[in-house]
C-alpha atoms as a PDB file:
ATOM      1  CA  MET A   1     -33.024  32.717  44.328  1.00  0.00           C
ATOM      2  CA  ALA A   2     -34.633  35.756  42.330  1.00  0.00           C
ATOM      3  CA  ASN A   3     -33.499  36.639  38.948  1.00  0.00           C
ATOM      4  CA  TYR A   4     -33.365  40.339  37.248  1.00  0.00           C
ATOM      5  CA  PHE A   5     -33.949  41.191  33.930  1.00  0.00           C
ATOM      6  CA  THR A   6     -34.052  44.122  31.631  1.00  0.00           C
ATOM      7  CA  HIS A   7     -36.747  43.983  28.497  1.00  0.00           C
ATOM      8  CA  PHE A   8     -36.944  46.040  25.936  1.00  0.00           C
ATOM      9  CA  SER A   9     -38.323  45.868  22.409  1.00  0.00           C
ATOM     10  CA  CYS A  10     -37.422  49.143  19.901  1.00  0.00           C
ATOM     11  CA  LEU A  11     -36.477  49.911  16.528  1.00  0.00           C
ATOM     12  CA  LEU A  12     -34.155  52.157  14.788  1.00  0.00           C
ATOM     13  CA  ASP A  13     -34.466  53.150  11.143  1.00  0.00           C
ATOM     14  CA  VAL A  14     -30.691  53.461   9.158  1.00  0.00           C
ATOM     15  CA  GLY A  15     -32.836  55.115   5.954  1.00  0.00           C
ATOM     16  CA  THR A  16     -31.416  51.493   3.408  1.00  0.00           C
ATOM     17  CA  PRO A  17     -31.651  48.365   3.350  1.00  0.00           C
ATOM     18  CA  GLU A  18     -27.575  48.712   2.501  1.00  0.00           C
ATOM     19  CA  ASN A  19     -27.219  50.034   5.699  1.00  0.00           C
ATOM     20  CA  ALA A  20     -29.177  47.936   7.253  1.00  0.00           C
ATOM     21  CA  ALA A  21     -27.305  45.265   6.208  1.00  0.00           C
ATOM     22  CA  ARG A  22     -24.103  47.132   6.879  1.00  0.00           C
ATOM     23  CA  ALA A  23     -25.169  47.606  10.576  1.00  0.00           C
ATOM     24  CA  LEU A  24     -25.246  43.723  11.335  1.00  0.00           C
ATOM     25  CA  ASP A  25     -21.201  44.277  10.681  1.00  0.00           C
ATOM     26  CA  LEU A  26     -21.449  46.754  13.139  1.00  0.00           C
ATOM     27  CA  TYR A  27     -23.478  44.698  15.666  1.00  0.00           C
ATOM     28  CA  ASN A  28     -20.973  41.702  15.213  1.00  0.00           C
ATOM     29  CA  ALA A  29     -17.915  44.135  15.988  1.00  0.00           C
ATOM     30  CA  LEU A  30     -19.768  45.763  19.010  1.00  0.00           C
ATOM     31  CA  SER A  31     -20.691  41.917  20.173  1.00  0.00           C
ATOM     32  CA  GLU A  32     -16.483  40.695  19.856  1.00  0.00           C
ATOM     33  CA  GLU A  33     -15.490  43.765  21.772  1.00  0.00           C
ATOM     34  CA  ASN A  34     -18.435  43.001  24.463  1.00  0.00           C
ATOM     35  CA  ALA A  35     -17.449  39.130  24.692  1.00  0.00           C
ATOM     36  CA  ALA A  36     -13.751  40.396  25.613  1.00  0.00           C
ATOM     37  CA  GLU A  37     -14.897  42.787  28.875  1.00  0.00           C
ATOM     38  CA  ASP A  38     -15.059  40.830  32.196  1.00  0.00           C
ATOM     39  CA  PRO A  39     -17.840  40.283  32.285  1.00  0.00           C
ATOM     40  CA  PRO A  40     -19.187  41.071  29.621  1.00  0.00           C
ATOM     41  CA  SER A  41     -22.769  42.375  28.972  1.00  0.00           C
ATOM     42  CA  GLU A  42     -26.115  40.852  28.476  1.00  0.00           C
ATOM     43  CA  GLY A  43     -26.190  42.345  25.121  1.00  0.00           C
ATOM     44  CA  PHE A  44     -29.085  42.498  22.788  1.00  0.00           C
ATOM     45  CA  LEU A  45     -30.550  40.431  19.637  1.00  0.00           C
ATOM     46  CA  LEU A  46     -30.678  42.481  16.796  1.00  0.00           C
ATOM     47  CA  SER A  47     -32.720  41.578  13.463  1.00  0.00           C
ATOM     48  CA  ILE A  48     -33.284  43.899  10.066  1.00  0.00           C
ATOM     49  CA  GLN A  49     -37.481  44.059   9.950  1.00  0.00           C
ATOM     50  CA  PRO A  50     -38.582  43.775   5.817  1.00  0.00           C
ATOM     51  CA  GLU A  51     -41.891  44.492   6.945  1.00  0.00           C
ATOM     52  CA  HIS A  52     -40.023  47.800   7.344  1.00  0.00           C
ATOM     53  CA  GLY A  53     -39.035  48.300   4.160  1.00  0.00           C
ATOM     54  CA  GLY A  54     -36.156  46.993   5.354  1.00  0.00           C
ATOM     55  CA  THR A  55     -34.831  49.323   6.516  1.00  0.00           C
ATOM     56  CA  GLN A  56     -35.499  48.914  10.362  1.00  0.00           C
ATOM     57  CA  LEU A  57     -33.767  47.483  12.819  1.00  0.00           C
ATOM     58  CA  TRP A  58     -35.399  45.994  15.636  1.00  0.00           C
ATOM     59  CA  MET A  59     -33.459  45.818  19.220  1.00  0.00           C
ATOM     60  CA  ARG A  60     -34.724  43.577  22.251  1.00  0.00           C
ATOM     61  CA  ASP A  61     -33.511  41.530  24.746  1.00  0.00           C
ATOM     62  CA  ASP A  62     -33.481  37.650  24.904  1.00  0.00           C
ATOM     63  CA  GLU A  63     -34.304  37.288  28.179  1.00  0.00           C
ATOM     64  CA  THR A  64     -32.628  40.165  29.321  1.00  0.00           C
ATOM     65  CA  GLY A  65     -30.424  42.656  27.909  1.00  0.00           C
ATOM     66  CA  ASP A  66     -28.409  45.653  28.330  1.00  0.00           C
ATOM     67  CA  PRO A  67     -29.441  49.189  27.607  1.00  0.00           C
ATOM     68  CA  GLU A  68     -26.361  51.323  27.415  1.00  0.00           C
ATOM     69  CA  HIS A  69     -25.345  48.075  24.665  1.00  0.00           C
ATOM     70  CA  VAL A  70     -27.883  49.665  22.916  1.00  0.00           C
ATOM     71  CA  ILE A  71     -27.350  53.045  23.450  1.00  0.00           C
ATOM     72  CA  GLN A  72     -23.253  52.439  21.696  1.00  0.00           C
ATOM     73  CA  PHE A  73     -24.911  50.669  18.810  1.00  0.00           C
ATOM     74  CA  VAL A  74     -26.919  53.288  17.965  1.00  0.00           C
ATOM     75  CA  LYS A  75     -24.648  55.796  18.329  1.00  0.00           C
ATOM     76  CA  ARG A  76     -22.386  53.572  16.191  1.00  0.00           C
ATOM     77  CA  CYS A  77     -25.021  53.275  13.536  1.00  0.00           C
ATOM     78  CA  ALA A  78     -26.056  56.789  13.938  1.00  0.00           C
ATOM     79  CA  ALA A  79     -22.030  57.774  12.633  1.00  0.00           C
ATOM     80  CA  ALA A  80     -21.861  55.412  10.072  1.00  0.00           C
ATOM     81  CA  PHE A  81     -24.752  55.687   7.988  1.00  0.00           C
ATOM     82  CA  GLY A  82     -25.138  59.827   8.787  1.00  0.00           C
ATOM     83  CA  LEU A  83     -28.337  59.761  10.720  1.00  0.00           C
ATOM     84  CA  THR A  84     -30.108  62.883  12.261  1.00  0.00           C
ATOM     85  CA  GLY A  85     -33.205  63.560  14.328  1.00  0.00           C
ATOM     86  CA  LEU A  86     -34.298  62.524  17.774  1.00  0.00           C
ATOM     87  CA  TRP A  87     -34.356  58.457  18.604  1.00  0.00           C
ATOM     88  CA  GLY A  88     -35.111  56.660  21.987  1.00  0.00           C
ATOM     89  CA  PHE A  89     -36.692  54.354  23.887  1.00  0.00           C
ATOM     90  CA  GLN A  90     -37.684  52.651  27.203  1.00  0.00           C
ATOM     91  CA  TYR A  91     -37.056  49.689  29.084  1.00  0.00           C
ATOM     92  CA  ALA A  92     -38.230  47.469  32.098  1.00  0.00           C
ATOM     93  CA  THR A  93     -36.486  45.754  34.983  1.00  0.00           C
ATOM     94  CA  THR A  94     -38.096  43.615  36.681  1.00  0.00           C
ATOM     95  CA  CYS A  95     -37.425  40.724  39.047  1.00  0.00           C
ATOM     96  CA  SER A  96     -38.364  36.798  38.666  1.00  0.00           C
ATOM     97  CA  GLN A  97     -40.158  36.617  42.604  1.00  0.00           C
ATOM     98  CA  ALA A  98     -41.956  39.431  44.355  1.00  0.00           C
ATOM     99  CA  ARG A  99     -39.084  41.602  46.010  1.00  0.00           C
ATOM    100  CA  VAL A 100     -39.357  44.777  47.491  1.00  0.00           C
ATOM    101  CA  ASN A 101     -37.704  47.584  45.273  1.00  0.00           C
ATOM    102  CA  ALA A 102     -36.960  45.243  42.386  1.00  0.00           C
ATOM    103  CA  PHE A 103     -39.359  46.631  39.854  1.00  0.00           C
ATOM    104  CA  GLY A 104     -38.836  49.847  37.638  1.00  0.00           C
ATOM    105  CA  GLY A 105     -37.496  50.795  34.178  1.00  0.00           C
ATOM    106  CA  GLY A 106     -36.448  53.968  32.622  1.00  0.00           C
ATOM    107  CA  ALA A 107     -36.032  55.827  29.156  1.00  0.00           C
ATOM    108  CA  HIS A 108     -33.034  57.097  26.848  1.00  0.00           C
ATOM    109  CA  VAL A 109     -33.548  59.813  24.238  1.00  0.00           C
ATOM    110  CA  LEU A 110     -30.457  60.278  21.635  1.00  0.00           C
ATOM    111  CA  ASP A 111     -29.977  63.097  19.395  1.00  0.00           C
ATOM    112  CA  LEU A 112     -28.409  61.016  16.706  1.00  0.00           C
ATOM    113  CA  ALA A 113     -26.644  63.482  14.648  1.00  0.00           C
ATOM    114  CA  THR A 114     -24.737  64.970  17.885  1.00  0.00           C
ATOM    115  CA  GLY A 115     -24.430  60.969  19.460  1.00  0.00           C
ATOM    116  CA  GLU A 116     -25.390  63.447  22.767  1.00  0.00           C
ATOM    117  CA  THR A 117     -27.976  62.300  25.541  1.00  0.00           C
ATOM    118  CA  ILE A 118     -31.083  64.734  25.263  1.00  0.00           C
ATOM    119  CA  ALA A 119     -32.723  62.859  28.655  1.00  0.00           C
ATOM    120  CA  TRP A 120     -33.067  59.989  29.935  1.00  0.00           C
ATOM    121  CA  THR A 121     -34.500  58.445  33.340  1.00  0.00           C
ATOM    122  CA  TYR A 122     -34.303  55.612  35.750  1.00  0.00           C
ATOM    123  CA  THR A 123     -37.348  54.533  38.369  1.00  0.00           C
ATOM    124  CA  GLY A 124     -35.054  51.986  40.166  1.00  0.00           C
ATOM    125  CA  GLY A 125     -34.285  54.466  42.937  1.00  0.00           C
ATOM    126  CA  TRP A 126     -36.401  57.114  42.434  1.00  0.00           C
ATOM    127  CA  LEU A 127     -39.523  55.878  45.060  1.00  0.00           C
ATOM    128  CA  PRO A 128     -36.882  55.024  47.717  1.00  0.00           C
ATOM    129  CA  GLU A 129     -35.697  58.140  47.312  1.00  0.00           C
ATOM    130  CA  VAL A 130     -38.610  60.082  47.484  1.00  0.00           C
ATOM    131  CA  LEU A 131     -39.416  58.573  50.221  1.00  0.00           C
ATOM    132  CA  ASP A 132     -36.840  59.718  52.284  1.00  0.00           C
ATOM    133  CA  GLY A 133     -37.634  63.371  51.226  1.00  0.00           C
ATOM    134  CA  GLY A 134     -35.814  63.169  48.386  1.00  0.00           C
ATOM    135  CA  ASP A 135     -37.467  65.598  45.529  1.00  0.00           C
ATOM    136  CA  PRO A 136     -39.342  64.056  43.088  1.00  0.00           C
ATOM    137  CA  ASP A 137     -38.416  65.819  39.458  1.00  0.00           C
ATOM    138  CA  ALA A 138     -34.447  65.285  40.595  1.00  0.00           C
END
C-alpha cells in the first residue's frame, strides 16, 4: 500500500521574541481547533529559531503536513502582530511508492496586512489536464 505525504519547511518573522512566544499560544489554539475537526488535518510542527534572533517561527511537516493549516496560522499571526508585506511558502506532494500522477506540489503567497491570497499554484492535476488539451497557463 502506498502512503502519500505533503512536505514543507518555511519561516515567518513575527518581529519580536515576545511575538514569537505569543505565537505559540496561537499555534496551540489552532491545534486544539484542528483536533476537534472530523477528521483532524495533519497539522504541522512549530518552533522558534533562536539563530534568527528569536523572531522567526519555523513551520514544517512531521512526516506529512497540511498547507492550509499553515496558511490559517500565518493569517492569525499577521492579524495578531500587525504583520505587513508578502509571505509565501512552497510544498511538495510525494508518495512512498512509484505511482502515476502521485507527485506534485504547490506554492502560496499571502499579503500579510490583508490576509488575502496574492497568488497560488498546485501541480497535482496540472499535467493530466494539459495532456488532455487543457490550457497550461490556467
